[in-house]
Amino acid sequence: MEETFHTLKSDLDIRPVYHKSDEGIKAHLNLAVLAYWLVSVTKYRLKTKKYDNARWDEIIRIASTQVLVTAELKAENGDTIRVRQCTEAEEKLSDIYHLLDINPHPLGKI
């Protein structure tokens, strides 16, 4: 239980709560619990696959190397054309994707 609260407070950074309504506070805590579940499942799945460094801050650091890029240009008729695409995942991130059975190109090209 203490590890759960430590994760909620540090890795997920759910504090402080500045909401003024009970509904806002409930929504904030529900999202925090959902985020905790995602973190826990991810770390557990990586540990079962013998991934060496399953610390959440390290996983986030590695994942931050992949970004979404948007190219925007104006057509001759005045319309705006936007092309969005994810960058290629670096090797460490590709390994994590492979271990978790996640598509390394979640959005494709839009």
C-alpha atoms as a PDB file:
ATOM      1  CA  MET A   1       0.000   0.000   0.000  1.00  0.00           C
ATOM      2  CA  GLU A   2       2.841   2.394   0.820  1.00  0.00           C
ATOM      3  CA  GLU A   3       4.470   1.693  -2.552  1.00  0.00           C
ATOM      4  CA  THR A   4       1.159   2.534  -4.244  1.00  0.00           C
ATOM      5  CA  PHE A   5       0.939   5.912  -2.522  1.00  0.00           C
ATOM      6  CA  HIS A   6       4.604   6.590  -3.253  1.00  0.00           C
ATOM      7  CA  THR A   7       3.978   5.912  -6.952  1.00  0.00           C
ATOM      8  CA  LEU A   8       0.859   8.068  -6.955  1.00  0.00           C
ATOM      9  CA  LYS A   9       2.712  10.962  -5.341  1.00  0.00           C
ATOM     10  CA  SER A  10       6.057  10.739  -7.122  1.00  0.00           C
ATOM     11  CA  ASP A  11       5.880   8.942 -10.481  1.00  0.00           C
ATOM     12  CA  LEU A  12       2.365  10.146 -11.340  1.00  0.00           C
ATOM     13  CA  ASP A  13       2.682  13.542  -9.627  1.00  0.00           C
ATOM     14  CA  ILE A  14      -0.976  13.681  -8.543  1.00  0.00           C
ATOM     15  CA  ARG A  15      -0.450  16.182  -5.760  1.00  0.00           C
ATOM     16  CA  PRO A  16      -1.419  18.832  -4.938  1.00  0.00           C
ATOM     17  CA  VAL A  17      -5.118  18.811  -5.771  1.00  0.00           C
ATOM     18  CA  TYR A  18      -6.452  22.329  -6.455  1.00  0.00           C
ATOM     19  CA  HIS A  19     -10.008  21.433  -7.444  1.00  0.00           C
ATOM     20  CA  LYS A  20     -12.834  23.379  -5.833  1.00  0.00           C
ATOM     21  CA  SER A  21     -15.673  20.915  -6.370  1.00  0.00           C
ATOM     22  CA  ASP A  22     -16.171  17.375  -5.148  1.00  0.00           C
ATOM     23  CA  GLU A  23     -16.695  16.242  -8.743  1.00  0.00           C
ATOM     24  CA  GLY A  24     -13.353  17.722  -9.793  1.00  0.00           C
ATOM     25  CA  ILE A  25     -11.553  16.001  -6.920  1.00  0.00           C
ATOM     26  CA  LYS A  26     -13.257  12.679  -7.696  1.00  0.00           C
ATOM     27  CA  ALA A  27     -12.322  12.943 -11.367  1.00  0.00           C
ATOM     28  CA  HIS A  28      -8.705  13.779 -10.443  1.00  0.00           C
ATOM     29  CA  LEU A  29      -8.428  10.783  -8.122  1.00  0.00           C
ATOM     30  CA  ASN A  30     -10.138   8.435 -10.600  1.00  0.00           C
ATOM     31  CA  LEU A  31      -7.650   9.470 -13.287  1.00  0.00           C
ATOM     32  CA  ALA A  32      -4.805   8.972 -10.816  1.00  0.00           C
ATOM     33  CA  VAL A  33      -5.997   5.443 -10.016  1.00  0.00           C
ATOM     34  CA  LEU A  34      -6.337   4.665 -13.733  1.00  0.00           C
ATOM     35  CA  ALA A  35      -2.833   6.024 -14.337  1.00  0.00           C
ATOM     36  CA  TYR A  36      -1.521   3.946 -11.426  1.00  0.00           C
ATOM     37  CA  TRP A  37      -3.108   0.850 -12.949  1.00  0.00           C
ATOM     38  CA  LEU A  38      -1.473   1.560 -16.321  1.00  0.00           C
ATOM     39  CA  VAL A  39       1.919   2.111 -14.675  1.00  0.00           C
ATOM     40  CA  SER A  40       1.621  -1.041 -12.574  1.00  0.00           C
ATOM     41  CA  VAL A  41       0.552  -3.245 -15.477  1.00  0.00           C
ATOM     42  CA  THR A  42       3.311  -1.848 -17.696  1.00  0.00           C
ATOM     43  CA  LYS A  43       6.001  -2.383 -15.063  1.00  0.00           C
ATOM     44  CA  TYR A  44       4.696  -5.872 -14.248  1.00  0.00           C
ATOM     45  CA  ARG A  45       4.625  -6.935 -17.908  1.00  0.00           C
ATOM     46  CA  LEU A  46       8.161  -5.638 -18.420  1.00  0.00           C
ATOM     47  CA  LYS A  47       9.408  -7.459 -15.317  1.00  0.00           C
ATOM     48  CA  THR A  48       7.852 -10.734 -16.451  1.00  0.00           C
ATOM     49  CA  LYS A  49       9.689 -10.332 -19.777  1.00  0.00           C
ATOM     50  CA  LYS A  50      12.962  -9.825 -17.858  1.00  0.00           C
ATOM     51  CA  TYR A  51      13.350  -6.189 -18.907  1.00  0.00           C
ATOM     52  CA  ASP A  52      16.284  -4.854 -16.857  1.00  0.00           C
ATOM     53  CA  ASN A  53      15.235  -1.290 -16.096  1.00  0.00           C
ATOM     54  CA  ALA A  54      11.511  -1.188 -15.324  1.00  0.00           C
ATOM     55  CA  ARG A  55      11.619   2.082 -13.340  1.00  0.00           C
ATOM     56  CA  TRP A  56       8.783   4.308 -14.489  1.00  0.00           C
ATOM     57  CA  ASP A  57      10.875   7.475 -14.721  1.00  0.00           C
ATOM     58  CA  GLU A  58      13.313   5.643 -17.004  1.00  0.00           C
ATOM     59  CA  ILE A  59      10.499   4.264 -19.169  1.00  0.00           C
ATOM     60  CA  ILE A  60       9.074   7.795 -19.527  1.00  0.00           C
ATOM     61  CA  ARG A  61      12.532   9.163 -20.397  1.00  0.00           C
ATOM     62  CA  ILE A  62      12.975   6.533 -23.112  1.00  0.00           C
ATOM     63  CA  ALA A  63       9.427   7.044 -24.439  1.00  0.00           C
ATOM     64  CA  SER A  64       9.922  10.805 -24.669  1.00  0.00           C
ATOM     65  CA  THR A  65      12.340  10.233 -27.573  1.00  0.00           C
ATOM     66  CA  GLN A  66       9.400   9.536 -29.882  1.00  0.00           C
ATOM     67  CA  VAL A  67       7.291  12.542 -30.806  1.00  0.00           C
ATOM     68  CA  LEU A  68       4.422  13.463 -33.082  1.00  0.00           C
ATOM     69  CA  VAL A  69       5.440  15.765 -35.927  1.00  0.00           C
ATOM     70  CA  THR A  70       3.006  17.934 -37.881  1.00  0.00           C
ATOM     71  CA  ALA A  71       3.925  19.446 -41.247  1.00  0.00           C
ATOM     72  CA  GLU A  72       1.578  22.197 -42.407  1.00  0.00           C
ATOM     73  CA  LEU A  73       1.418  23.861 -45.810  1.00  0.00           C
ATOM     74  CA  LYS A  74      -0.935  26.089 -47.736  1.00  0.00           C
ATOM     75  CA  ALA A  75      -2.368  24.896 -51.030  1.00  0.00           C
ATOM     76  CA  GLU A  76      -2.724  27.267 -53.968  1.00  0.00           C
ATOM     77  CA  ASN A  77      -6.477  27.445 -53.351  1.00  0.00           C
ATOM     78  CA  GLY A  78      -5.895  28.616 -49.765  1.00  0.00           C
ATOM     79  CA  ASP A  79      -6.656  25.321 -48.019  1.00  0.00           C
ATOM     80  CA  THR A  80      -4.331  24.164 -45.275  1.00  0.00           C
ATOM     81  CA  ILE A  81      -2.873  20.677 -45.555  1.00  0.00           C
ATOM     82  CA  ARG A  82      -1.531  19.046 -42.408  1.00  0.00           C
ATOM     83  CA  VAL A  83       0.396  15.785 -42.318  1.00  0.00           C
ATOM     84  CA  ARG A  84       0.927  14.210 -38.873  1.00  0.00           C
ATOM     85  CA  GLN A  85       3.220  11.313 -38.203  1.00  0.00           C
ATOM     86  CA  CYS A  86       5.184   9.787 -35.322  1.00  0.00           C
ATOM     87  CA  THR A  87       8.949   9.743 -35.478  1.00  0.00           C
ATOM     88  CA  GLU A  88      10.704   6.393 -35.592  1.00  0.00           C
ATOM     89  CA  ALA A  89      11.118   4.755 -32.200  1.00  0.00           C
ATOM     90  CA  GLU A  90      14.719   4.463 -31.053  1.00  0.00           C
ATOM     91  CA  GLU A  91      16.103   1.014 -30.292  1.00  0.00           C
ATOM     92  CA  LYS A  92      15.364   1.023 -26.547  1.00  0.00           C
ATOM     93  CA  LEU A  93      11.804   2.192 -27.137  1.00  0.00           C
ATOM     94  CA  SER A  94      11.332  -0.374 -29.917  1.00  0.00           C
ATOM     95  CA  ASP A  95      12.420  -3.074 -27.463  1.00  0.00           C
ATOM     96  CA  ILE A  96       9.836  -1.879 -24.928  1.00  0.00           C
ATOM     97  CA  TYR A  97       7.126  -1.791 -27.598  1.00  0.00           C
ATOM     98  CA  HIS A  98       8.047  -5.315 -28.680  1.00  0.00           C
ATOM     99  CA  LEU A  99       7.950  -6.650 -25.097  1.00  0.00           C
ATOM    100  CA  LEU A 100       4.551  -5.040 -24.488  1.00  0.00           C
ATOM    101  CA  ASP A 101       3.139  -6.028 -27.914  1.00  0.00           C
ATOM    102  CA  ILE A 102       2.490  -2.371 -28.793  1.00  0.00           C
ATOM    103  CA  ASN A 103       2.497  -0.947 -32.301  1.00  0.00           C
ATOM    104  CA  PRO A 104       5.554   1.382 -32.623  1.00  0.00           C
ATOM    105  CA  HIS A 105       3.530   3.570 -35.028  1.00  0.00           C
ATOM    106  CA  PRO A 106       0.289   4.103 -33.094  1.00  0.00           C
ATOM    107  CA  LEU A 107      -1.100   6.834 -35.352  1.00  0.00           C
ATOM    108  CA  GLY A 108       0.318   5.947 -38.722  1.00  0.00           C
ATOM    109  CA  LYS A 109       0.221   8.924 -41.080  1.00  0.00           C
ATOM    110  CA  ILE A 110      -2.746  11.287 -40.840  1.00  0.00           C
END
